[in-house]
């Protein structure tokens, strides 16, 4: 009787084991993203949702948009998250990307010392840059061919000044050659002006001694896009996982999570979705 009972238990255990489904190991996505998105903390906030809902584990490399696009060309990424529209369009037109999907935005702002020595408060971005140059108030540029650096150069062009001459005028202009976080830290230490995305500034605000001076200029919108690398042009691309990631990031579920990010910590959202 005892043997019969033991045999029964063994059979039941074997049957139960057969009904348990082993979860498939997570798929790895090599995502190269801008330093501004990485510094904001958005991807770490989304990471557990992405893993739970898509079984994708993010392997993140943070670079300026220009360097991120070059990484995509080399096959060092499966997907990119960038904010340099003109360069992204060229990247896709040249066949390196399958398509470019813009899915969120925020705004660039000009931050600087609370005393605002160049008196740029409430001006447009172009007018503000022109007054900074005229007053020779110190300005810190990222100087790294990132999306933020590209936006800065576009604004200097709008001023009517010679952008090349401005960038070599060491009496006020400093090229940091760094990511957004390091550039903000330098601007804070030197009590200088700089151009930054609002998300990174808010995420670092408590550590900085500079404030937002210009924020309402219509030419400061900052669009972010996802690009899946084209496997027909670039080798070593996990395109199926990249497309699954893109689909989730463009979903209503993801867009809602993105729109909520930052409210609890900063009192306002860091990114807007459409």
C-alpha atoms as a PDB file:
ATOM      1  CA  UNK A   1       0.000   0.000   0.000  1.00  0.00           C
ATOM      2  CA  UNK A   2       2.848   2.319   0.936  1.00  0.00           C
ATOM      3  CA  UNK A   3       4.629   1.562  -2.363  1.00  0.00           C
ATOM      4  CA  UNK A   4       1.414   2.291  -4.260  1.00  0.00           C
ATOM      5  CA  UNK A   5       1.056   5.660  -2.512  1.00  0.00           C
ATOM      6  CA  UNK A   6       4.687   6.615  -3.266  1.00  0.00           C
ATOM      7  CA  UNK A   7       4.235   5.624  -6.900  1.00  0.00           C
ATOM      8  CA  UNK A   8       1.109   7.754  -7.053  1.00  0.00           C
ATOM      9  CA  UNK A   9       2.985  10.789  -5.673  1.00  0.00           C
ATOM     10  CA  UNK A  10       5.834  10.318  -8.163  1.00  0.00           C
ATOM     11  CA  UNK A  11       3.371  10.150 -11.042  1.00  0.00           C
ATOM     12  CA  UNK A  12       1.579  13.285  -9.862  1.00  0.00           C
ATOM     13  CA  UNK A  13       4.876  15.153  -9.577  1.00  0.00           C
ATOM     14  CA  UNK A  14       5.880  14.089 -13.063  1.00  0.00           C
ATOM     15  CA  UNK A  15       2.519  15.141 -14.477  1.00  0.00           C
ATOM     16  CA  UNK A  16       2.728  18.539 -12.773  1.00  0.00           C
ATOM     17  CA  UNK A  17       6.214  19.052 -14.124  1.00  0.00           C
ATOM     18  CA  UNK A  18       4.953  18.401 -17.630  1.00  0.00           C
ATOM     19  CA  UNK A  19       2.389  21.175 -17.349  1.00  0.00           C
ATOM     20  CA  UNK A  20       4.895  23.851 -16.313  1.00  0.00           C
ATOM     21  CA  UNK A  21       6.040  25.928 -19.278  1.00  0.00           C
ATOM     22  CA  UNK A  22       9.630  27.030 -19.170  1.00  0.00           C
ATOM     23  CA  UNK A  23       9.907  30.733 -20.020  1.00  0.00           C
ATOM     24  CA  UNK A  24      11.974  31.501 -23.082  1.00  0.00           C
ATOM     25  CA  UNK A  25      15.263  33.263 -22.238  1.00  0.00           C
ATOM     26  CA  UNK A  26      15.123  37.032 -22.844  1.00  0.00           C
ATOM     27  CA  UNK A  27      16.174  38.307 -26.262  1.00  0.00           C
ATOM     28  CA  UNK A  28      18.933  40.930 -26.190  1.00  0.00           C
ATOM     29  CA  UNK A  29      18.510  44.206 -28.048  1.00  0.00           C
ATOM     30  CA  UNK A  30      21.571  46.365 -28.651  1.00  0.00           C
ATOM     31  CA  UNK A  31      20.139  49.878 -28.316  1.00  0.00           C
ATOM     32  CA  UNK A  32      22.311  52.908 -28.924  1.00  0.00           C
ATOM     33  CA  UNK A  33      20.662  56.004 -27.504  1.00  0.00           C
ATOM     34  CA  UNK A  34      21.413  59.659 -27.023  1.00  0.00           C
ATOM     35  CA  UNK A  35      23.044  60.767 -23.803  1.00  0.00           C
ATOM     36  CA  UNK A  36      20.103  63.082 -23.114  1.00  0.00           C
ATOM     37  CA  UNK A  37      17.604  60.191 -23.017  1.00  0.00           C
ATOM     38  CA  UNK A  38      19.985  58.037 -21.009  1.00  0.00           C
ATOM     39  CA  UNK A  39      20.765  60.812 -18.510  1.00  0.00           C
ATOM     40  CA  UNK A  40      17.031  61.455 -17.998  1.00  0.00           C
ATOM     41  CA  UNK A  41      16.535  57.927 -16.620  1.00  0.00           C
ATOM     42  CA  UNK A  42      13.669  57.153 -19.021  1.00  0.00           C
ATOM     43  CA  UNK A  43      15.058  53.861 -20.326  1.00  0.00           C
ATOM     44  CA  UNK A  44      15.780  52.486 -16.863  1.00  0.00           C
ATOM     45  CA  UNK A  45      12.190  53.378 -15.946  1.00  0.00           C
ATOM     46  CA  UNK A  46      10.892  51.516 -19.022  1.00  0.00           C
ATOM     47  CA  UNK A  47      13.301  48.571 -18.799  1.00  0.00           C
ATOM     48  CA  UNK A  48      11.213  46.308 -16.459  1.00  0.00           C
ATOM     49  CA  UNK A  49       8.051  46.921 -18.514  1.00  0.00           C
ATOM     50  CA  UNK A  50       9.884  46.075 -21.741  1.00  0.00           C
ATOM     51  CA  UNK A  51      11.308  42.878 -20.265  1.00  0.00           C
ATOM     52  CA  UNK A  52       7.965  41.775 -18.792  1.00  0.00           C
ATOM     53  CA  UNK A  53       5.849  42.565 -21.856  1.00  0.00           C
ATOM     54  CA  UNK A  54       8.209  41.748 -24.748  1.00  0.00           C
ATOM     55  CA  UNK A  55      10.851  39.503 -23.145  1.00  0.00           C
ATOM     56  CA  UNK A  56      13.503  41.870 -24.470  1.00  0.00           C
ATOM     57  CA  UNK A  57      16.525  42.813 -22.380  1.00  0.00           C
ATOM     58  CA  UNK A  58      18.108  46.132 -23.328  1.00  0.00           C
ATOM     59  CA  UNK A  59      21.850  46.380 -23.810  1.00  0.00           C
ATOM     60  CA  UNK A  60      22.229  50.159 -23.813  1.00  0.00           C
ATOM     61  CA  UNK A  61      25.099  52.264 -25.143  1.00  0.00           C
ATOM     62  CA  UNK A  62      24.809  56.025 -24.653  1.00  0.00           C
ATOM     63  CA  UNK A  63      26.342  58.336 -27.269  1.00  0.00           C
ATOM     64  CA  UNK A  64      25.650  61.667 -28.909  1.00  0.00           C
ATOM     65  CA  UNK A  65      23.293  61.362 -31.892  1.00  0.00           C
ATOM     66  CA  UNK A  66      26.099  61.721 -34.448  1.00  0.00           C
ATOM     67  CA  UNK A  67      28.163  58.968 -32.839  1.00  0.00           C
ATOM     68  CA  UNK A  68      25.021  56.842 -32.406  1.00  0.00           C
ATOM     69  CA  UNK A  69      24.309  57.014 -36.139  1.00  0.00           C
ATOM     70  CA  UNK A  70      27.903  56.021 -36.907  1.00  0.00           C
ATOM     71  CA  UNK A  71      27.537  53.052 -34.524  1.00  0.00           C
ATOM     72  CA  UNK A  72      24.457  52.020 -36.492  1.00  0.00           C
ATOM     73  CA  UNK A  73      26.391  52.142 -39.761  1.00  0.00           C
ATOM     74  CA  UNK A  74      29.078  49.872 -38.285  1.00  0.00           C
ATOM     75  CA  UNK A  75      26.550  47.283 -37.118  1.00  0.00           C
ATOM     76  CA  UNK A  76      27.179  47.992 -33.441  1.00  0.00           C
ATOM     77  CA  UNK A  77      23.451  48.395 -32.744  1.00  0.00           C
ATOM     78  CA  UNK A  78      20.141  46.799 -33.678  1.00  0.00           C
ATOM     79  CA  UNK A  79      18.158  49.996 -33.111  1.00  0.00           C
ATOM     80  CA  UNK A  80      18.851  53.660 -32.435  1.00  0.00           C
ATOM     81  CA  UNK A  81      17.076  56.288 -30.384  1.00  0.00           C
ATOM     82  CA  UNK A  82      18.185  59.722 -31.574  1.00  0.00           C
ATOM     83  CA  UNK A  83      17.175  63.393 -31.733  1.00  0.00           C
ATOM     84  CA  UNK A  84      18.952  64.854 -34.733  1.00  0.00           C
ATOM     85  CA  UNK A  85      16.197  64.941 -37.422  1.00  0.00           C
ATOM     86  CA  UNK A  86      18.225  66.074 -40.450  1.00  0.00           C
ATOM     87  CA  UNK A  87      21.012  63.540 -39.815  1.00  0.00           C
ATOM     88  CA  UNK A  88      18.459  60.786 -39.130  1.00  0.00           C
ATOM     89  CA  UNK A  89      16.660  61.445 -42.420  1.00  0.00           C
ATOM     90  CA  UNK A  90      19.961  61.225 -44.308  1.00  0.00           C
ATOM     91  CA  UNK A  91      20.792  57.984 -42.448  1.00  0.00           C
ATOM     92  CA  UNK A  92      17.512  56.385 -43.588  1.00  0.00           C
ATOM     93  CA  UNK A  93      17.755  57.793 -47.139  1.00  0.00           C
ATOM     94  CA  UNK A  94      21.210  56.209 -47.458  1.00  0.00           C
ATOM     95  CA  UNK A  95      19.663  52.841 -46.579  1.00  0.00           C
ATOM     96  CA  UNK A  96      21.142  52.330 -43.127  1.00  0.00           C
ATOM     97  CA  UNK A  97      17.782  52.508 -41.384  1.00  0.00           C
ATOM     98  CA  UNK A  98      14.533  50.719 -42.237  1.00  0.00           C
ATOM     99  CA  UNK A  99      12.503  53.786 -41.258  1.00  0.00           C
ATOM    100  CA  UNK A 100      12.447  56.671 -38.795  1.00  0.00           C
ATOM    101  CA  UNK A 101       9.562  56.755 -36.304  1.00  0.00           C
ATOM    102  CA  UNK A 102       9.176  59.917 -34.225  1.00  0.00           C
ATOM    103  CA  UNK A 103       7.352  59.022 -31.026  1.00  0.00           C
ATOM    104  CA  UNK A 104       8.041  61.638 -28.364  1.00  0.00           C
ATOM    105  CA  UNK A 105       9.353  65.141 -27.880  1.00  0.00           C
ATOM    106  CA  UNK A 106      10.337  67.682 -25.286  1.00  0.00           C
ATOM    107  CA  UNK A 107      11.974  71.088 -25.513  1.00  0.00           C
ATOM    108  CA  UNK A 108      15.456  72.432 -25.480  1.00  0.00           C
ATOM    109  CA  UNK A 109      16.024  75.246 -23.014  1.00  0.00           C
ATOM    110  CA  UNK A 110      18.808  77.725 -22.448  1.00  0.00           C
ATOM    111  CA  UNK A 111      20.051  77.608 -18.878  1.00  0.00           C
ATOM    112  CA  UNK A 112      22.416  79.990 -17.177  1.00  0.00           C
ATOM    113  CA  UNK A 113      23.285  81.932 -14.005  1.00  0.00           C
ATOM    114  CA  UNK A 114      20.342  83.260 -12.014  1.00  0.00           C
ATOM    115  CA  UNK A 115      21.662  86.809 -12.511  1.00  0.00           C
ATOM    116  CA  UNK A 116      21.308  86.399 -16.315  1.00  0.00           C
ATOM    117  CA  UNK A 117      24.331  88.601 -17.197  1.00  0.00           C
ATOM    118  CA  UNK A 118      23.491  88.686 -20.922  1.00  0.00           C
ATOM    119  CA  UNK A 119      19.855  89.703 -20.166  1.00  0.00           C
ATOM    120  CA  UNK A 120      18.264  87.054 -22.398  1.00  0.00           C
ATOM    121  CA  UNK A 121      15.157  86.249 -20.349  1.00  0.00           C
ATOM    122  CA  UNK A 122      12.011  85.797 -22.499  1.00  0.00           C
ATOM    123  CA  UNK A 123      13.858  86.250 -25.805  1.00  0.00           C
ATOM    124  CA  UNK A 124      13.744  83.803 -28.698  1.00  0.00           C
ATOM    125  CA  UNK A 125      16.588  81.299 -28.856  1.00  0.00           C
ATOM    126  CA  UNK A 126      18.268  83.145 -31.747  1.00  0.00           C
ATOM    127  CA  UNK A 127      17.967  86.531 -30.020  1.00  0.00           C
ATOM    128  CA  UNK A 128      19.337  85.028 -26.818  1.00  0.00           C
ATOM    129  CA  UNK A 129      22.372  83.554 -28.573  1.00  0.00           C
ATOM    130  CA  UNK A 130      23.072  86.869 -30.276  1.00  0.00           C
ATOM    131  CA  UNK A 131      23.032  88.726 -26.940  1.00  0.00           C
ATOM    132  CA  UNK A 132      25.253  86.081 -25.297  1.00  0.00           C
ATOM    133  CA  UNK A 133      27.811  86.587 -28.089  1.00  0.00           C
ATOM    134  CA  UNK A 134      27.555  90.373 -27.889  1.00  0.00           C
ATOM    135  CA  UNK A 135      28.021  90.395 -24.107  1.00  0.00           C
ATOM    136  CA  UNK A 136      30.778  87.761 -24.338  1.00  0.00           C
ATOM    137  CA  UNK A 137      29.047  85.873 -21.531  1.00  0.00           C
ATOM    138  CA  UNK A 138      30.541  82.408 -21.245  1.00  0.00           C
ATOM    139  CA  UNK A 139      28.713  79.738 -23.234  1.00  0.00           C
ATOM    140  CA  UNK A 140      29.411  76.002 -22.942  1.00  0.00           C
ATOM    141  CA  UNK A 141      28.786  73.975 -26.095  1.00  0.00           C
ATOM    142  CA  UNK A 142      28.546  70.202 -26.074  1.00  0.00           C
ATOM    143  CA  UNK A 143      30.844  70.229 -29.100  1.00  0.00           C
ATOM    144  CA  UNK A 144      30.282  66.534 -29.749  1.00  0.00           C
ATOM    145  CA  UNK A 145      28.227  66.357 -32.974  1.00  0.00           C
ATOM    146  CA  UNK A 146      25.193  65.286 -30.945  1.00  0.00           C
ATOM    147  CA  UNK A 147      21.583  66.223 -31.622  1.00  0.00           C
ATOM    148  CA  UNK A 148      21.878  69.017 -29.055  1.00  0.00           C
ATOM    149  CA  UNK A 149      25.070  70.291 -30.693  1.00  0.00           C
ATOM    150  CA  UNK A 150      23.350  70.211 -34.108  1.00  0.00           C
ATOM    151  CA  UNK A 151      20.454  72.225 -32.683  1.00  0.00           C
ATOM    152  CA  UNK A 152      22.873  74.736 -31.201  1.00  0.00           C
ATOM    153  CA  UNK A 153      24.582  75.210 -34.580  1.00  0.00           C
ATOM    154  CA  UNK A 154      21.190  75.686 -36.249  1.00  0.00           C
ATOM    155  CA  UNK A 155      20.337  78.420 -33.746  1.00  0.00           C
ATOM    156  CA  UNK A 156      23.652  80.205 -34.309  1.00  0.00           C
ATOM    157  CA  UNK A 157      22.836  80.150 -38.035  1.00  0.00           C
ATOM    158  CA  UNK A 158      19.502  81.861 -37.308  1.00  0.00           C
ATOM    159  CA  UNK A 159      21.336  84.736 -35.576  1.00  0.00           C
ATOM    160  CA  UNK A 160      22.986  85.788 -38.823  1.00  0.00           C
ATOM    161  CA  UNK A 161      26.389  85.480 -37.172  1.00  0.00           C
ATOM    162  CA  UNK A 162      29.227  83.411 -38.623  1.00  0.00           C
ATOM    163  CA  UNK A 163      28.760  80.151 -36.692  1.00  0.00           C
ATOM    164  CA  UNK A 164      32.296  78.990 -37.474  1.00  0.00           C
ATOM    165  CA  UNK A 165      33.777  82.232 -36.156  1.00  0.00           C
ATOM    166  CA  UNK A 166      31.597  82.020 -33.047  1.00  0.00           C
ATOM    167  CA  UNK A 167      32.747  78.470 -32.264  1.00  0.00           C
ATOM    168  CA  UNK A 168      36.401  79.540 -32.317  1.00  0.00           C
ATOM    169  CA  UNK A 169      35.948  82.704 -30.235  1.00  0.00           C
ATOM    170  CA  UNK A 170      37.578  81.539 -27.019  1.00  0.00           C
ATOM    171  CA  UNK A 171      36.787  84.837 -25.293  1.00  0.00           C
ATOM    172  CA  UNK A 172      33.388  83.389 -24.405  1.00  0.00           C
ATOM    173  CA  UNK A 173      32.794  80.069 -26.228  1.00  0.00           C
ATOM    174  CA  UNK A 174      33.903  76.758 -24.674  1.00  0.00           C
ATOM    175  CA  UNK A 175      33.544  73.420 -26.492  1.00  0.00           C
ATOM    176  CA  UNK A 176      33.155  70.695 -23.869  1.00  0.00           C
ATOM    177  CA  UNK A 177      33.225  67.673 -26.181  1.00  0.00           C
ATOM    178  CA  UNK A 178      31.019  65.922 -23.630  1.00  0.00           C
ATOM    179  CA  UNK A 179      27.589  64.473 -23.042  1.00  0.00           C
ATOM    180  CA  UNK A 180      24.692  66.519 -21.714  1.00  0.00           C
ATOM    181  CA  UNK A 181      25.200  65.693 -18.053  1.00  0.00           C
ATOM    182  CA  UNK A 182      28.886  66.647 -18.078  1.00  0.00           C
ATOM    183  CA  UNK A 183      28.164  69.820 -20.066  1.00  0.00           C
ATOM    184  CA  UNK A 184      25.513  70.923 -17.571  1.00  0.00           C
ATOM    185  CA  UNK A 185      27.900  70.289 -14.699  1.00  0.00           C
ATOM    186  CA  UNK A 186      30.562  72.410 -16.406  1.00  0.00           C
ATOM    187  CA  UNK A 187      28.078  75.235 -17.069  1.00  0.00           C
ATOM    188  CA  UNK A 188      27.042  75.136 -13.416  1.00  0.00           C
ATOM    189  CA  UNK A 189      30.631  75.229 -12.170  1.00  0.00           C
ATOM    190  CA  UNK A 190      31.597  78.074 -14.507  1.00  0.00           C
ATOM    191  CA  UNK A 191      28.269  79.936 -14.097  1.00  0.00           C
ATOM    192  CA  UNK A 192      27.857  79.902 -17.858  1.00  0.00           C
ATOM    193  CA  UNK A 193      25.014  79.504 -20.344  1.00  0.00           C
ATOM    194  CA  UNK A 194      24.341  76.292 -22.249  1.00  0.00           C
ATOM    195  CA  UNK A 195      21.678  74.667 -24.402  1.00  0.00           C
ATOM    196  CA  UNK A 196      20.139  71.507 -22.943  1.00  0.00           C
ATOM    197  CA  UNK A 197      17.100  69.310 -23.288  1.00  0.00           C
ATOM    198  CA  UNK A 198      14.672  69.978 -20.457  1.00  0.00           C
ATOM    199  CA  UNK A 199      14.505  66.321 -19.352  1.00  0.00           C
ATOM    200  CA  UNK A 200      18.201  66.063 -18.516  1.00  0.00           C
ATOM    201  CA  UNK A 201      18.179  69.434 -16.792  1.00  0.00           C
ATOM    202  CA  UNK A 202      15.236  68.501 -14.569  1.00  0.00           C
ATOM    203  CA  UNK A 203      16.794  65.154 -13.700  1.00  0.00           C
ATOM    204  CA  UNK A 204      19.967  66.963 -12.538  1.00  0.00           C
ATOM    205  CA  UNK A 205      18.458  70.207 -11.259  1.00  0.00           C
ATOM    206  CA  UNK A 206      19.116  69.530  -7.572  1.00  0.00           C
ATOM    207  CA  UNK A 207      22.855  69.239  -8.278  1.00  0.00           C
ATOM    208  CA  UNK A 208      23.134  72.371 -10.415  1.00  0.00           C
ATOM    209  CA  UNK A 209      23.407  76.099  -9.721  1.00  0.00           C
ATOM    210  CA  UNK A 210      22.027  77.289 -13.072  1.00  0.00           C
ATOM    211  CA  UNK A 211      18.388  77.979 -13.966  1.00  0.00           C
ATOM    212  CA  UNK A 212      16.179  77.889 -17.045  1.00  0.00           C
ATOM    213  CA  UNK A 213      16.399  81.328 -18.677  1.00  0.00           C
ATOM    214  CA  UNK A 214      14.802  80.748 -22.108  1.00  0.00           C
ATOM    215  CA  UNK A 215      12.159  78.077 -22.598  1.00  0.00           C
ATOM    216  CA  UNK A 216       9.240  79.406 -24.622  1.00  0.00           C
ATOM    217  CA  UNK A 217      10.934  79.888 -27.985  1.00  0.00           C
ATOM    218  CA  UNK A 218       9.081  78.038 -30.784  1.00  0.00           C
ATOM    219  CA  UNK A 219      12.358  76.939 -32.390  1.00  0.00           C
ATOM    220  CA  UNK A 220      13.347  74.818 -29.367  1.00  0.00           C
ATOM    221  CA  UNK A 221      11.195  71.715 -29.952  1.00  0.00           C
ATOM    222  CA  UNK A 222      13.209  68.495 -29.593  1.00  0.00           C
ATOM    223  CA  UNK A 223      11.899  65.400 -31.414  1.00  0.00           C
ATOM    224  CA  UNK A 224      13.046  61.853 -30.592  1.00  0.00           C
ATOM    225  CA  UNK A 225      12.857  58.976 -33.064  1.00  0.00           C
ATOM    226  CA  UNK A 226      13.483  55.225 -33.205  1.00  0.00           C
ATOM    227  CA  UNK A 227      15.356  53.783 -36.157  1.00  0.00           C
ATOM    228  CA  UNK A 228      15.595  50.053 -36.825  1.00  0.00           C
ATOM    229  CA  UNK A 229      18.901  49.261 -38.544  1.00  0.00           C
ATOM    230  CA  UNK A 230      18.474  47.833 -42.053  1.00  0.00           C
ATOM    231  CA  UNK A 231      19.823  44.235 -42.204  1.00  0.00           C
ATOM    232  CA  UNK A 232      20.071  44.494 -46.019  1.00  0.00           C
ATOM    233  CA  UNK A 233      22.655  47.264 -45.629  1.00  0.00           C
ATOM    234  CA  UNK A 234      24.297  46.414 -42.301  1.00  0.00           C
ATOM    235  CA  UNK A 235      25.368  42.974 -41.101  1.00  0.00           C
ATOM    236  CA  UNK A 236      24.942  41.475 -37.640  1.00  0.00           C
ATOM    237  CA  UNK A 237      21.532  43.087 -36.993  1.00  0.00           C
ATOM    238  CA  UNK A 238      18.846  41.387 -34.896  1.00  0.00           C
ATOM    239  CA  UNK A 239      16.037  42.966 -36.895  1.00  0.00           C
ATOM    240  CA  UNK A 240      13.169  40.863 -35.512  1.00  0.00           C
ATOM    241  CA  UNK A 241      13.930  41.896 -31.935  1.00  0.00           C
ATOM    242  CA  UNK A 242      14.467  45.497 -33.050  1.00  0.00           C
ATOM    243  CA  UNK A 243      11.062  45.546 -34.754  1.00  0.00           C
ATOM    244  CA  UNK A 244       9.392  44.056 -31.668  1.00  0.00           C
ATOM    245  CA  UNK A 245      11.014  46.771 -29.532  1.00  0.00           C
ATOM    246  CA  UNK A 246       9.928  49.483 -31.975  1.00  0.00           C
ATOM    247  CA  UNK A 247       6.341  48.168 -32.004  1.00  0.00           C
ATOM    248  CA  UNK A 248       6.186  48.246 -28.199  1.00  0.00           C
ATOM    249  CA  UNK A 249       7.698  51.745 -27.955  1.00  0.00           C
ATOM    250  CA  UNK A 250       5.097  53.047 -30.422  1.00  0.00           C
ATOM    251  CA  UNK A 251       2.220  51.300 -28.633  1.00  0.00           C
ATOM    252  CA  UNK A 252      -0.418  53.110 -26.619  1.00  0.00           C
ATOM    253  CA  UNK A 253       0.855  51.324 -23.511  1.00  0.00           C
ATOM    254  CA  UNK A 254       4.418  52.642 -23.900  1.00  0.00           C
ATOM    255  CA  UNK A 255       3.349  56.151 -24.876  1.00  0.00           C
ATOM    256  CA  UNK A 256       1.200  56.387 -21.759  1.00  0.00           C
ATOM    257  CA  UNK A 257       4.117  55.283 -19.553  1.00  0.00           C
ATOM    258  CA  UNK A 258       6.412  57.830 -21.230  1.00  0.00           C
ATOM    259  CA  UNK A 259       3.881  60.635 -20.754  1.00  0.00           C
ATOM    260  CA  UNK A 260       3.717  59.849 -17.023  1.00  0.00           C
ATOM    261  CA  UNK A 261       7.472  59.714 -16.483  1.00  0.00           C
ATOM    262  CA  UNK A 262       8.786  62.487 -14.256  1.00  0.00           C
ATOM    263  CA  UNK A 263       5.507  63.678 -12.773  1.00  0.00           C
ATOM    264  CA  UNK A 264       6.038  62.059  -9.371  1.00  0.00           C
ATOM    265  CA  UNK A 265       9.672  63.141  -9.044  1.00  0.00           C
ATOM    266  CA  UNK A 266       9.788  66.501 -10.827  1.00  0.00           C
ATOM    267  CA  UNK A 267       6.168  67.635 -10.784  1.00  0.00           C
ATOM    268  CA  UNK A 268       6.000  67.613 -14.574  1.00  0.00           C
ATOM    269  CA  UNK A 269       6.433  65.149 -17.392  1.00  0.00           C
ATOM    270  CA  UNK A 270       9.872  64.987 -19.014  1.00  0.00           C
ATOM    271  CA  UNK A 271       8.630  63.862 -22.423  1.00  0.00           C
ATOM    272  CA  UNK A 272       5.460  64.469 -24.416  1.00  0.00           C
ATOM    273  CA  UNK A 273       3.857  61.997 -26.833  1.00  0.00           C
ATOM    274  CA  UNK A 274       1.528  62.462 -29.784  1.00  0.00           C
END
